[in-house]
Amino acid sequence: MWSRAYAVGLAAAIVAFAAAPAGGTGLRTSVTVFRAFTPTGAPEIKVHPVSGSCFTGSLTAARSDAWRCIVGNNLYDPCFSSPQAPGVVICPNRDPTRGTEIRLTKGLPTTEANHGTPSTKRLPWAVELYSGAYCALASGALSVVDGLPGDYFCGAGAKNGLWGSPRRSTEPWTIFSAPLTATSLSHRVSIRHAWT
């Protein structure tokens, strides 16, 4: 037999749940212009050093300080440079608090550089979902479903991708999520943080 206090508490919880807007109350997307280096040229994030080179501007971050680089058979994009740190670039992981520092074996291909400036208005190259997953902008199309490209991959062996661009007209921002084998899109997920 339920107590009266329990019944009143349960009724209040049901009313509160029914009144809560879809997507959660007060959730927002924070947007950060990524900075790979401190003003003195030190890495801003935790890095693992390797040697390699860059061959063109980034395909995922249209910034003049973003590059597409290679170490052995591994491709890194985006990688960021700084005038205060000559001879190195920093390539963040999908989780942009960690990454790889490439010690360059040759100079940056400045004639192949992008011409954009850092801006929160640009398409994010990395996002963190409210689920805790980190996803990075793919530098090549995964596939197209319902007219939207599979723009973001969420890790090695991941079965889901993010499709199209984030919807910025909502708070928090949302984006379609579906299996890589999907034939239609219907489910949106919320973005906690975006890096441009």
Protein backbone atom coordinates (compact mmCIF):
# COMPACT_ATOMS: atom_id res chain seq x y z
CA MET A 1 0.00 0.00 0.00
CA TRP A 2 1.44 3.37 -1.01
CA SER A 3 1.73 6.12 1.57
CA ARG A 4 0.00 9.43 0.91
CA ALA A 5 3.40 11.24 0.79
CA TYR A 6 4.68 8.75 -1.84
CA ALA A 7 1.52 9.19 -3.95
CA VAL A 8 1.80 13.00 -3.80
CA GLY A 9 5.52 12.85 -4.72
CA LEU A 10 4.81 10.49 -7.64
CA ALA A 11 2.05 12.75 -8.95
CA ALA A 12 4.36 15.79 -8.76
CA ALA A 13 7.09 13.91 -10.63
CA ILE A 14 4.65 12.92 -13.39
CA VAL A 15 3.46 16.52 -13.77
CA ALA A 16 7.07 17.80 -13.88
CA PHE A 17 8.04 15.20 -16.50
CA ALA A 18 5.02 16.01 -18.66
CA ALA A 19 5.82 19.74 -18.47
CA ALA A 20 9.50 19.36 -19.37
CA PRO A 21 10.22 20.35 -22.97
CA ALA A 22 11.70 17.76 -25.30
CA GLY A 23 15.49 17.86 -25.37
CA GLY A 24 15.80 18.94 -21.73
CA THR A 25 15.49 22.23 -19.92
CA GLY A 26 18.38 24.65 -19.88
CA LEU A 27 20.70 22.58 -22.08
CA ARG A 28 22.90 24.65 -24.36
CA THR A 29 25.67 24.11 -26.89
CA SER A 30 28.94 25.85 -26.13
CA VAL A 31 31.13 26.80 -29.09
CA THR A 32 34.90 27.26 -28.92
CA VAL A 33 37.39 28.52 -31.47
CA PHE A 34 40.10 25.91 -30.97
CA ARG A 35 43.53 27.15 -29.88
CA ALA A 36 46.33 24.60 -30.22
CA PHE A 37 49.03 26.80 -28.69
CA THR A 38 49.42 29.20 -25.79
CA PRO A 39 50.56 32.76 -26.67
CA THR A 40 54.17 31.67 -25.97
CA GLY A 41 53.96 28.76 -28.44
CA ALA A 42 53.59 25.91 -25.94
CA PRO A 43 51.00 23.20 -26.67
CA GLU A 44 47.59 24.08 -25.23
CA ILE A 45 46.60 20.39 -25.06
CA LYS A 46 48.29 17.13 -24.04
CA VAL A 47 50.29 15.84 -27.00
CA HIS A 48 52.35 12.88 -28.15
CA PRO A 49 55.32 13.93 -30.36
CA VAL A 50 56.04 12.31 -33.74
CA SER A 51 57.76 13.37 -36.98
CA GLY A 52 55.96 14.05 -40.25
CA SER A 53 54.94 16.68 -42.78
CA CYS A 54 51.95 18.62 -44.09
CA PHE A 55 51.00 18.80 -47.76
CA THR A 56 47.97 21.09 -48.07
CA GLY A 57 45.47 23.16 -46.12
CA SER A 58 42.97 21.30 -43.95
CA LEU A 59 39.84 19.88 -45.56
CA THR A 60 37.97 19.92 -42.23
CA ALA A 61 38.87 23.35 -40.81
CA ALA A 62 38.90 26.20 -43.35
CA ARG A 63 41.39 28.28 -41.35
CA SER A 64 44.71 29.65 -42.57
CA ASP A 65 46.46 27.95 -39.62
CA ALA A 66 44.92 24.50 -40.28
CA TRP A 67 46.68 21.78 -42.30
CA ARG A 68 46.37 18.27 -43.66
CA CYS A 69 49.41 16.26 -42.61
CA ILE A 70 50.87 12.76 -42.77
CA VAL A 71 52.97 10.61 -40.45
CA GLY A 72 53.95 7.32 -42.09
CA ASN A 73 50.66 5.95 -43.44
CA ASN A 74 48.50 7.96 -41.02
CA LEU A 75 46.62 11.06 -42.15
CA TYR A 76 45.92 13.89 -39.69
CA ASP A 77 43.36 16.62 -40.40
CA PRO A 78 43.07 19.22 -38.96
CA CYS A 79 46.52 20.12 -37.65
CA PHE A 80 47.18 23.64 -36.38
CA SER A 81 50.26 25.83 -36.63
CA SER A 82 51.39 28.99 -34.83
CA PRO A 83 54.02 31.63 -35.67
CA GLN A 84 55.18 31.25 -32.05
CA ALA A 85 55.91 27.53 -32.58
CA PRO A 86 57.86 27.15 -35.85
CA GLY A 87 58.51 23.63 -37.06
CA VAL A 88 55.58 21.94 -35.33
CA VAL A 89 51.83 21.49 -35.77
CA ILE A 90 49.32 20.11 -33.29
CA CYS A 91 46.67 17.67 -34.47
CA PRO A 92 43.87 17.22 -31.90
CA ASN A 93 42.03 13.94 -31.44
CA ARG A 94 38.25 13.69 -31.68
CA ASP A 95 38.47 14.73 -28.00
CA PRO A 96 40.23 18.07 -28.57
CA THR A 97 41.93 18.06 -25.15
CA ARG A 98 44.52 15.59 -26.46
CA GLY A 99 46.37 15.11 -29.70
CA THR A 100 49.58 14.61 -31.65
CA GLU A 101 52.41 17.08 -32.05
CA ILE A 102 54.04 16.65 -35.45
CA ARG A 103 57.62 17.83 -35.63
CA LEU A 104 57.85 18.87 -39.25
CA THR A 105 60.49 17.34 -41.49
CA LYS A 106 59.91 20.13 -44.03
CA GLY A 107 58.27 23.54 -44.11
CA LEU A 108 54.53 24.12 -44.25
CA PRO A 109 53.08 24.29 -47.80
CA THR A 110 52.05 27.93 -47.45
CA THR A 111 51.02 28.21 -51.12
CA GLU A 112 48.38 25.52 -50.39
CA ALA A 113 47.04 27.20 -47.24
CA ASN A 114 43.37 27.99 -46.61
CA HIS A 115 42.46 31.67 -46.37
CA GLY A 116 39.76 31.58 -43.68
CA THR A 117 39.98 33.07 -40.21
CA PRO A 118 38.94 31.31 -36.99
CA SER A 119 35.24 31.89 -36.29
CA THR A 120 32.44 30.30 -34.29
CA LYS A 121 30.27 30.72 -37.42
CA ARG A 122 32.21 28.02 -39.29
CA LEU A 123 31.21 24.37 -39.50
CA PRO A 124 32.58 22.60 -36.39
CA TRP A 125 35.39 20.14 -37.07
CA ALA A 126 34.69 18.35 -33.76
CA VAL A 127 31.65 17.98 -31.52
CA GLU A 128 30.91 16.42 -28.15
CA LEU A 129 27.40 15.00 -27.81
CA TYR A 130 25.40 15.10 -24.59
CA SER A 131 25.83 11.30 -24.57
CA GLY A 132 29.57 11.89 -24.02
CA ALA A 133 30.66 10.75 -27.50
CA TYR A 134 33.20 12.81 -29.44
CA CYS A 135 32.83 13.03 -33.22
CA ALA A 136 35.08 14.56 -35.88
CA LEU A 137 34.29 15.99 -39.29
CA ALA A 138 35.22 13.48 -41.97
CA SER A 139 37.61 14.69 -44.64
CA GLY A 140 35.90 12.42 -47.17
CA ALA A 141 32.19 11.66 -47.56
CA LEU A 142 31.03 8.56 -45.70
CA SER A 143 27.79 8.21 -47.71
CA VAL A 144 24.60 10.17 -48.41
CA VAL A 145 21.19 9.42 -46.84
CA ASP A 146 18.05 11.50 -47.43
CA GLY A 147 20.22 14.00 -49.30
CA LEU A 148 22.54 14.57 -46.32
CA PRO A 149 26.18 13.45 -46.25
CA GLY A 150 27.57 11.43 -43.38
CA ASP A 151 29.74 14.32 -42.23
CA TYR A 152 31.01 13.17 -38.82
CA PHE A 153 32.51 9.90 -37.64
CA CYS A 154 32.52 9.02 -33.97
CA GLY A 155 35.57 6.78 -33.57
CA ALA A 156 37.24 3.68 -34.88
CA GLY A 157 34.75 0.83 -35.03
CA ALA A 158 31.82 3.18 -34.44
CA LYS A 159 28.56 1.98 -35.93
CA ASN A 160 26.88 5.40 -35.99
CA GLY A 161 27.69 8.63 -37.76
CA LEU A 162 26.34 12.16 -37.71
CA TRP A 163 24.61 13.38 -40.85
CA GLY A 164 24.50 16.86 -42.29
CA SER A 165 25.34 20.06 -40.41
CA PRO A 166 24.29 20.90 -36.85
CA ARG A 167 20.93 22.66 -36.54
CA ARG A 168 21.92 25.92 -34.84
CA SER A 169 18.41 27.33 -34.57
CA THR A 170 17.75 25.22 -31.46
CA GLU A 171 19.38 25.11 -28.03
CA PRO A 172 21.10 22.84 -27.68
CA TRP A 173 22.14 22.33 -31.29
CA THR A 174 21.03 19.02 -32.76
CA ILE A 175 22.22 16.82 -35.60
CA PHE A 176 20.97 13.62 -37.22
CA SER A 177 22.51 10.42 -35.88
CA ALA A 178 22.10 7.07 -37.61
CA PRO A 179 23.95 3.81 -38.27
CA LEU A 180 26.45 3.98 -41.10
CA THR A 181 24.20 1.50 -42.94
CA ALA A 182 21.07 3.69 -42.56
CA THR A 183 18.70 4.26 -45.49
CA SER A 184 16.71 7.07 -43.80
CA LEU A 185 17.24 9.68 -41.08
CA SER A 186 14.82 10.45 -38.25
CA HIS A 187 16.74 10.64 -34.95
CA ARG A 188 18.49 13.81 -33.77
CA VAL A 189 21.00 14.02 -30.93
CA SER A 190 22.03 17.05 -28.87
CA ILE A 191 25.47 18.66 -29.07
CA ARG A 192 27.11 19.72 -25.80
CA HIS A 193 30.22 21.36 -27.26
CA ALA A 194 31.44 22.30 -30.73
CA TRP A 195 34.97 23.28 -31.83
CA THR A 196 35.57 25.40 -34.91
